[in-house]
Amino acid sequence: MEGSISLVTLGSKRMAVGFSGQLSTEKGHFTLSRTLIMNSLYHPENHILELNYASSIVSAVDTTSDDDFYHAFMKKNDFILKLSQLSDNALLVSDRTSPLYVCIAQ
């Protein structure tokens, strides 16, 4: 994917994960513009964020099929992410094997 991923907290138990950009697969190039609504549970003792898929909002400009999107990004309906503080307003977000991105608090 070429583009951006944004995380927005929706209270203490929900999070919106926005995907915007271009997705290239063996089927072609697609515009990506959708938001996943995830139920979230934070485990402060080990800095783990557990996310469970609740719903999605797909923009009219999104040309990516649901199957291609889920194959590229989801694989399953729940995620485990590790959060590491980098600075006062930055978090490193990682999955089980590698860093994914840095979130800047705004």
Protein backbone atom coordinates (compact mmCIF):
# COMPACT_ATOMS: atom_id res chain seq x y z
CA MET A 1 0.00 0.00 0.00
CA GLU A 2 1.13 3.50 -0.81
CA GLY A 3 -0.69 5.98 1.40
CA SER A 4 -1.52 6.42 5.04
CA ILE A 5 -3.07 4.63 7.97
CA SER A 6 -4.61 6.67 10.77
CA LEU A 7 -5.71 5.60 14.24
CA VAL A 8 -8.38 7.61 16.03
CA THR A 9 -9.67 6.72 19.48
CA LEU A 10 -13.44 6.76 19.86
CA GLY A 11 -13.68 6.80 23.61
CA SER A 12 -11.92 4.23 25.75
CA LYS A 13 -13.22 1.06 24.05
CA ARG A 14 -13.38 1.80 20.32
CA MET A 15 -10.95 2.87 17.65
CA ALA A 16 -11.23 3.92 14.01
CA VAL A 17 -8.47 2.70 11.69
CA GLY A 18 -8.46 4.67 8.44
CA PHE A 19 -6.79 3.48 5.23
CA SER A 20 -6.20 5.96 2.41
CA GLY A 21 -4.07 5.57 -0.70
CA GLN A 22 -3.35 3.07 -3.44
CA LEU A 23 -3.33 -0.71 -3.14
CA SER A 24 -1.49 -2.82 -5.71
CA THR A 25 -2.24 -6.53 -6.02
CA GLU A 26 -1.79 -9.13 -8.72
CA LYS A 27 -5.29 -8.07 -9.89
CA GLY A 28 -4.30 -4.44 -10.47
CA HIS A 29 -4.09 -1.02 -8.79
CA PHE A 30 -6.96 0.21 -6.66
CA THR A 31 -7.94 3.33 -4.72
CA LEU A 32 -8.27 2.70 -1.01
CA SER A 33 -10.44 4.93 1.19
CA ARG A 34 -12.11 3.15 4.10
CA THR A 35 -12.32 3.14 7.85
CA LEU A 36 -12.55 0.12 10.11
CA ILE A 37 -14.33 0.50 13.43
CA MET A 38 -12.64 -1.72 16.00
CA ASN A 39 -13.51 -2.59 19.58
CA SER A 40 -10.37 -2.08 21.64
CA LEU A 41 -9.03 -3.29 24.95
CA TYR A 42 -5.74 -1.95 26.29
CA HIS A 43 -3.61 -4.11 28.60
CA PRO A 44 -1.36 -1.58 30.42
CA GLU A 45 0.71 -4.23 32.18
CA ASN A 46 2.37 -5.25 28.90
CA HIS A 47 1.42 -2.30 26.61
CA ILE A 48 -0.74 -4.48 24.37
CA LEU A 49 -3.72 -3.18 22.43
CA GLU A 50 -6.25 -5.82 21.44
CA LEU A 51 -8.47 -4.83 18.48
CA ASN A 52 -11.56 -6.71 17.29
CA TYR A 53 -13.28 -5.82 14.01
CA ALA A 54 -16.78 -4.36 14.50
CA SER A 55 -17.70 -2.70 11.17
CA SER A 56 -16.35 -0.80 8.18
CA ILE A 57 -17.19 2.38 6.32
CA VAL A 58 -16.18 2.32 2.66
CA SER A 59 -15.98 5.63 0.78
CA ALA A 60 -17.57 5.99 -2.65
CA VAL A 61 -14.08 6.56 -4.18
CA ASP A 62 -12.74 3.23 -2.84
CA THR A 63 -12.30 0.78 -5.75
CA THR A 64 -10.78 -2.07 -3.71
CA SER A 65 -12.96 -5.14 -3.32
CA ASP A 66 -13.63 -6.30 0.23
CA ASP A 67 -11.88 -9.60 -0.54
CA ASP A 68 -8.70 -7.86 -1.76
CA PHE A 69 -8.69 -5.49 1.21
CA TYR A 70 -9.13 -8.23 3.81
CA HIS A 71 -6.55 -10.43 2.10
CA ALA A 72 -4.01 -7.57 2.14
CA PHE A 73 -4.64 -6.22 5.64
CA MET A 74 -6.84 -8.28 7.90
CA LYS A 75 -6.29 -12.04 7.57
CA LYS A 76 -8.53 -12.39 10.66
CA ASN A 77 -10.99 -10.26 12.66
CA ASP A 78 -8.72 -9.45 15.59
CA PHE A 79 -5.28 -7.92 16.02
CA ILE A 80 -2.78 -7.72 18.82
CA LEU A 81 -0.59 -4.60 18.70
CA LYS A 82 2.29 -3.59 20.97
CA LEU A 83 2.64 0.09 21.87
CA SER A 84 6.05 1.54 22.78
CA GLN A 85 6.53 5.16 23.87
CA LEU A 86 9.10 6.92 21.64
CA SER A 87 8.61 10.46 22.96
CA ASP A 88 6.00 12.59 24.73
CA ASN A 89 3.68 12.49 21.72
CA ALA A 90 4.85 9.51 19.65
CA LEU A 91 4.10 5.79 19.92
CA LEU A 92 5.69 2.97 17.95
CA VAL A 93 3.00 0.48 16.94
CA SER A 94 4.23 -3.07 16.26
CA ASP A 95 2.71 -6.43 15.55
CA ARG A 96 4.19 -9.64 16.91
CA THR A 97 7.16 -9.65 14.56
CA SER A 98 7.98 -6.14 13.35
CA PRO A 99 7.38 -2.40 13.75
CA LEU A 100 4.48 -1.14 11.67
CA TYR A 101 4.34 2.64 12.06
CA VAL A 102 4.72 5.57 14.43
CA CYS A 103 1.60 7.37 15.72
CA ILE A 104 1.84 11.04 16.59
CA ALA A 105 -0.66 12.35 19.14
CA GLN A 106 -2.45 15.46 17.87
